[in-house]
């Protein structure tokens, strides 16, 4: 080990060329680091001996520079506590706080958000401990793009049991969320010659952006009370993206006859159905409808996710692919991010295998059902907004409330909601093209905490009533 090697427990990056063995250079380098924010208030600096060894200068030079910066107010020195960056340094213009981000709403009824306060942290930690205590060292190395075999194996069993999906572990690819899955599918389809994908209208606009950024054209597929219309699949479409168990945003389910018709379209044309099963486990009035994939496994790419069942922050999703797509998708994943996070995969595998996942979903299903019932009951009791109707099946994390013709506009309701600190979704921005479309509110009933939900509902009722009176 070199004689001047520092054993200090505090590392500090300074440009040695700037210091150049002079006290003034060291002072300037430290000032710049503090002013730029690289050294935040209360950051502890190395000892004079350690920093001198690191920079190859005399300890006396470092001590003199520290003394000068203490005198200027940049540093604070206390006997026995070392030298730290002064709190007063934050008053320098370069250290001012950035402009605050947009204030979070007091009441969050945004659609599509789960109640993350219900994340099963204790059970998740126990699964992580079991998974990591038995894991071999190789799991921390680079792995295969399609995901850990432990997770793919338990997913194959779980999806067959709960969603009616027919899959072997080698047909499953683990991705970093649904968006990555959709982007990979779009890129592989484009490389194979597909030019157009049909997507439900209305549907999530961000997902359309993901597809178009992959170089494909998005064609609207009309949705009515029976779900997506098979007779309206555009001729050029080589694939169709569907949310058959609970259409987003209308909340309807795809009729059995239309499921069969769309599966027949895929067989006849060689097209692909991309099944977005984003909240298929959350049906409240009956057993969840099974996945489409079970009726046409060779023509459906099934995509599920932990975003709604556990938490979006996990960034875990999975695809069940027809055999002809497995190789191209794995290669696309390899060149995208190589692999998804391993520790989360192993933990989820244990969580599913130990039936903690089933238990958590059952508890959430009861929780969200009560939330939806409270929402429906509150909208049905006045004074709220005459003519407001809630459509769709009892499922998912949000409900679509259609605004009455001739009543207040969607923009008026959303503007008043924002004034009251209420976040709620709108239907207008989800149509493929602007025009004279049905207007409505997408009301999420899952995100607020248990204590925050009742006041959120009361705020929503007041907003609707006030808008109806002023409109």
Foldseek 3Di string as FASTA:
>chain_A
DDPLQAPWPDDDDFDLVQCVQALVSVLVRLLVCLLQPVADFFAADTQLSRVCSVSVYDSVSSVVSLVVCVVVQQWDQDVPPHIGGHPCSCVRPSNDDDPDDDDAFLAEQAPPAFAQVLFPVVLLVVLLVVLVVPDDPCLPPQDFQQADLLLLQLCCVVLCVQFVAHFDSLLKRKFQAPLVVLLLVLLLCVVVPQAEEEEEFLDDPVSCVSNVVSPHHYDYFYQDLQGTDLVRDDPSHQEYEGAAQAGPPAQHHHDPVVLVSVLVVCVVPVGAYEHEPEFQCQAQPDRGHHDSCNVRVQRYWYKYACCHLRNSVLSIIMIRHRPVCSVSSSVSSCVPPNHDDSSSSSSVSSCSVVCVSVVSSVVSNVVQLVLVVVLVVLCVDDDAAPPWDWDHHRTDFKIKTWHHPPFFAQVQLCVLCVVNSYDWAKDQVRGPDHDDDTITIITGRRHDDPVSRVVNSVSNRVSRNVRRVVD
